[in-house]
Amino acid sequence: QARNLQMKLMKSIEIFDYLNGQQFGALMRKSTLVISHAGAGSILESLRMEKQLFVVVNDTLMHNHQLEICRPLAKDKYLYYSPNVA
């Protein structure tokens, strides 16, 4: 039963290396969950569209600013985040 659920989930996931702004917006509108890097633009656009959001923080950038953005938003239940997975 777990294997069937895993196969069903895998069929519903699309992964993209790069999208231009128009492509990104179109996919965002039809998405129920967005998994993204923790860039401020991606976060704000997802929240503006009222999407469930999971972001991965890159803690090597500019004094860990992505984590500084994510912590209060996660505390207030606007998003979920993971520390850098590198």
N, C-alpha and C. Protein backbone atom coordinates (compact mmCIF):
# COMPACT_ATOMS: atom_id res chain seq x y z
N GLN A 1 0.83 -1.19 0.00
CA GLN A 1 0.00 0.00 0.00
C GLN A 1 0.88 1.26 0.00
N ALA A 2 1.94 1.27 0.77
CA ALA A 2 2.85 2.41 0.79
C ALA A 2 3.49 2.61 -0.58
N ARG A 3 3.83 1.52 -1.24
CA ARG A 3 4.44 1.58 -2.57
C ARG A 3 3.47 2.20 -3.58
N ASN A 4 2.19 1.85 -3.50
CA ASN A 4 1.19 2.43 -4.40
C ASN A 4 1.06 3.93 -4.18
N LEU A 5 1.08 4.34 -2.91
CA LEU A 5 1.02 5.76 -2.60
C LEU A 5 2.24 6.50 -3.14
N GLN A 6 3.41 5.89 -2.98
CA GLN A 6 4.64 6.49 -3.49
C GLN A 6 4.58 6.64 -5.01
N MET A 7 4.12 5.65 -5.72
CA MET A 7 4.03 5.70 -7.18
C MET A 7 3.03 6.78 -7.61
N LYS A 8 1.92 6.89 -6.92
CA LYS A 8 0.92 7.91 -7.24
C LYS A 8 1.51 9.30 -7.03
N LEU A 9 2.22 9.49 -5.94
CA LEU A 9 2.84 10.77 -5.65
C LEU A 9 3.87 11.13 -6.71
N MET A 10 4.70 10.20 -7.10
CA MET A 10 5.74 10.46 -8.09
C MET A 10 5.15 10.87 -9.43
N LYS A 11 4.00 10.36 -9.79
CA LYS A 11 3.35 10.71 -11.05
C LYS A 11 2.81 12.14 -11.02
N SER A 12 2.60 12.71 -9.84
CA SER A 12 2.00 14.04 -9.74
C SER A 12 3.03 15.14 -9.51
N ILE A 13 4.32 14.80 -9.44
CA ILE A 13 5.36 15.78 -9.18
C ILE A 13 6.08 16.14 -10.48
N GLU A 14 6.24 17.44 -10.71
CA GLU A 14 7.04 17.92 -11.83
C GLU A 14 8.23 18.68 -11.27
N ILE A 15 9.41 18.45 -11.83
CA ILE A 15 10.63 19.12 -11.38
C ILE A 15 11.19 19.91 -12.56
N PHE A 16 11.59 21.17 -12.29
CA PHE A 16 12.09 22.06 -13.33
C PHE A 16 13.44 22.62 -12.92
N ASP A 17 14.36 22.68 -13.86
CA ASP A 17 15.66 23.30 -13.60
C ASP A 17 15.57 24.82 -13.63
N TYR A 18 14.84 25.35 -14.60
CA TYR A 18 14.73 26.80 -14.76
C TYR A 18 13.41 27.13 -15.42
N LEU A 19 12.79 28.19 -14.96
CA LEU A 19 11.57 28.72 -15.58
C LEU A 19 11.72 30.22 -15.72
N ASN A 20 11.26 30.77 -16.84
CA ASN A 20 11.22 32.23 -16.92
C ASN A 20 10.03 32.72 -16.11
N GLY A 21 9.93 34.02 -15.94
CA GLY A 21 8.89 34.59 -15.08
C GLY A 21 7.48 34.21 -15.48
N GLN A 22 7.21 34.20 -16.77
CA GLN A 22 5.87 33.86 -17.25
C GLN A 22 5.54 32.38 -16.99
N GLN A 23 6.50 31.50 -17.24
CA GLN A 23 6.31 30.08 -16.98
C GLN A 23 6.12 29.83 -15.48
N PHE A 24 6.94 30.50 -14.68
CA PHE A 24 6.85 30.35 -13.23
C PHE A 24 5.47 30.76 -12.73
N GLY A 25 4.99 31.90 -13.19
CA GLY A 25 3.67 32.38 -12.76
C GLY A 25 2.55 31.43 -13.15
N ALA A 26 2.61 30.89 -14.36
CA ALA A 26 1.58 29.96 -14.82
C ALA A 26 1.55 28.69 -13.96
N LEU A 27 2.72 28.17 -13.66
CA LEU A 27 2.78 26.98 -12.81
C LEU A 27 2.34 27.27 -11.39
N MET A 28 2.71 28.43 -10.89
CA MET A 28 2.30 28.82 -9.54
C MET A 28 0.78 28.86 -9.43
N ARG A 29 0.13 29.43 -10.43
CA ARG A 29 -1.33 29.55 -10.38
C ARG A 29 -2.02 28.20 -10.30
N LYS A 30 -1.47 27.17 -10.94
CA LYS A 30 -2.13 25.87 -10.93
C LYS A 30 -1.62 24.94 -9.83
N SER A 31 -0.64 25.37 -9.06
CA SER A 31 -0.05 24.54 -8.01
C SER A 31 -0.82 24.62 -6.71
N THR A 32 -0.74 23.55 -5.93
CA THR A 32 -1.29 23.58 -4.58
C THR A 32 -0.16 23.67 -3.55
N LEU A 33 1.03 23.18 -3.92
CA LEU A 33 2.20 23.23 -3.04
C LEU A 33 3.39 23.68 -3.87
N VAL A 34 4.15 24.62 -3.34
CA VAL A 34 5.37 25.09 -4.00
C VAL A 34 6.55 24.71 -3.13
N ILE A 35 7.54 24.05 -3.74
CA ILE A 35 8.80 23.74 -3.09
C ILE A 35 9.85 24.55 -3.81
N SER A 36 10.56 25.41 -3.07
CA SER A 36 11.43 26.38 -3.72
C SER A 36 12.66 26.66 -2.87
N HIS A 37 13.59 27.39 -3.45
CA HIS A 37 14.68 27.95 -2.66
C HIS A 37 14.08 29.07 -1.82
N ALA A 38 14.82 29.57 -0.87
CA ALA A 38 14.27 30.54 0.08
C ALA A 38 14.54 31.99 -0.33
N GLY A 39 14.52 32.26 -1.62
CA GLY A 39 14.67 33.63 -2.09
C GLY A 39 13.44 34.45 -1.77
N ALA A 40 13.65 35.70 -1.43
CA ALA A 40 12.54 36.57 -1.02
C ALA A 40 11.48 36.69 -2.10
N GLY A 41 11.89 36.80 -3.36
CA GLY A 41 10.92 36.92 -4.46
C GLY A 41 10.03 35.71 -4.58
N SER A 42 10.61 34.53 -4.49
CA SER A 42 9.82 33.30 -4.58
C SER A 42 8.87 33.17 -3.39
N ILE A 43 9.36 33.51 -2.22
CA ILE A 43 8.51 33.46 -1.03
C ILE A 43 7.34 34.43 -1.15
N LEU A 44 7.63 35.66 -1.50
CA LEU A 44 6.57 36.67 -1.58
C LEU A 44 5.54 36.34 -2.65
N GLU A 45 6.00 35.86 -3.80
CA GLU A 45 5.06 35.50 -4.87
C GLU A 45 4.17 34.34 -4.45
N SER A 46 4.74 33.35 -3.78
CA SER A 46 3.94 32.22 -3.29
C SER A 46 2.91 32.66 -2.27
N LEU A 47 3.31 33.51 -1.35
CA LEU A 47 2.38 34.01 -0.33
C LEU A 47 1.30 34.89 -0.95
N ARG A 48 1.68 35.69 -1.93
CA ARG A 48 0.70 36.54 -2.62
C ARG A 48 -0.38 35.69 -3.28
N MET A 49 0.02 34.54 -3.81
CA MET A 49 -0.93 33.63 -4.47
C MET A 49 -1.58 32.66 -3.50
N GLU A 50 -1.27 32.81 -2.22
CA GLU A 50 -1.85 31.98 -1.16
C GLU A 50 -1.59 30.49 -1.37
N LYS A 51 -0.33 30.16 -1.71
CA LYS A 51 0.06 28.77 -1.94
C LYS A 51 0.73 28.21 -0.69
N GLN A 52 0.56 26.92 -0.46
CA GLN A 52 1.33 26.25 0.57
C GLN A 52 2.78 26.27 0.10
N LEU A 53 3.70 26.52 1.04
CA LEU A 53 5.07 26.77 0.63
C LEU A 53 6.05 26.02 1.52
N PHE A 54 6.98 25.33 0.88
CA PHE A 54 8.11 24.70 1.56
C PHE A 54 9.37 25.20 0.87
N VAL A 55 10.29 25.77 1.62
CA VAL A 55 11.51 26.31 1.04
C VAL A 55 12.74 25.69 1.67
N VAL A 56 13.82 25.64 0.89
CA VAL A 56 15.11 25.16 1.36
C VAL A 56 16.05 26.35 1.46
N VAL A 57 16.56 26.56 2.64
CA VAL A 57 17.43 27.71 2.92
C VAL A 57 18.86 27.39 2.49
N ASN A 58 19.49 28.35 1.82
CA ASN A 58 20.93 28.28 1.53
C ASN A 58 21.61 29.15 2.58
N ASP A 59 22.18 28.51 3.59
CA ASP A 59 22.72 29.27 4.72
C ASP A 59 24.12 29.83 4.46
N THR A 60 24.61 29.71 3.23
CA THR A 60 25.93 30.27 2.91
C THR A 60 25.84 31.65 2.27
N LEU A 61 24.66 32.15 2.05
CA LEU A 61 24.48 33.42 1.35
C LEU A 61 24.35 34.61 2.31
N MET A 62 25.09 35.65 2.06
CA MET A 62 24.95 36.96 2.71
C MET A 62 24.51 36.89 4.17
N HIS A 63 25.36 36.37 5.00
CA HIS A 63 25.10 36.33 6.45
C HIS A 63 23.81 35.59 6.80
N ASN A 64 23.51 34.55 6.02
CA ASN A 64 22.37 33.69 6.31
C ASN A 64 21.03 34.44 6.26
N HIS A 65 20.88 35.36 5.32
CA HIS A 65 19.67 36.18 5.25
C HIS A 65 18.42 35.36 4.94
N GLN A 66 18.55 34.24 4.22
CA GLN A 66 17.36 33.45 3.91
C GLN A 66 16.75 32.86 5.19
N LEU A 67 17.60 32.41 6.09
CA LEU A 67 17.09 31.89 7.35
C LEU A 67 16.42 33.00 8.15
N GLU A 68 16.98 34.20 8.11
CA GLU A 68 16.38 35.34 8.81
C GLU A 68 14.99 35.66 8.27
N ILE A 69 14.78 35.43 6.98
CA ILE A 69 13.46 35.65 6.38
C ILE A 69 12.51 34.52 6.78
N CYS A 70 13.00 33.30 6.77
CA CYS A 70 12.14 32.13 6.97
C CYS A 70 11.67 31.94 8.41
N ARG A 71 12.53 32.21 9.37
CA ARG A 71 12.16 31.93 10.77
C ARG A 71 10.85 32.60 11.21
N PRO A 72 10.70 33.90 11.05
CA PRO A 72 9.44 34.50 11.51
C PRO A 72 8.23 34.07 10.67
N LEU A 73 8.45 33.83 9.37
CA LEU A 73 7.33 33.38 8.53
C LEU A 73 6.89 31.97 8.91
N ALA A 74 7.85 31.12 9.26
CA ALA A 74 7.50 29.77 9.71
C ALA A 74 6.82 29.80 11.07
N LYS A 75 7.31 30.67 11.94
CA LYS A 75 6.71 30.79 13.27
C LYS A 75 5.24 31.17 13.16
N ASP A 76 4.92 32.04 12.20
CA ASP A 76 3.54 32.48 12.00
C ASP A 76 2.77 31.58 11.02
N LYS A 77 3.37 30.43 10.67
CA LYS A 77 2.72 29.40 9.85
C LYS A 77 2.46 29.84 8.40
N TYR A 78 3.28 30.74 7.86
CA TYR A 78 3.16 31.13 6.46
C TYR A 78 3.91 30.17 5.54
N LEU A 79 4.91 29.47 6.07
CA LEU A 79 5.69 28.53 5.27
C LEU A 79 6.35 27.51 6.18
N TYR A 80 6.88 26.49 5.54
CA TYR A 80 7.73 25.50 6.20
C TYR A 80 9.09 25.60 5.54
N TYR A 81 10.15 25.33 6.29
CA TYR A 81 11.48 25.43 5.69
C TYR A 81 12.40 24.36 6.23
N SER A 82 13.45 24.15 5.45
CA SER A 82 14.51 23.23 5.82
C SER A 82 15.82 23.98 5.74
N PRO A 83 16.74 23.69 6.64
CA PRO A 83 18.07 24.30 6.50
C PRO A 83 18.74 23.76 5.25
N ASN A 84 19.83 24.34 4.91
CA ASN A 84 20.62 23.94 3.73
C ASN A 84 20.85 22.43 3.75
N VAL A 85 20.60 21.80 2.63
CA VAL A 85 20.78 20.35 2.55
C VAL A 85 22.06 19.97 1.82
N ALA A 86 22.91 20.95 1.53
CA ALA A 86 24.15 20.67 0.80
C ALA A 86 25.15 19.97 1.68
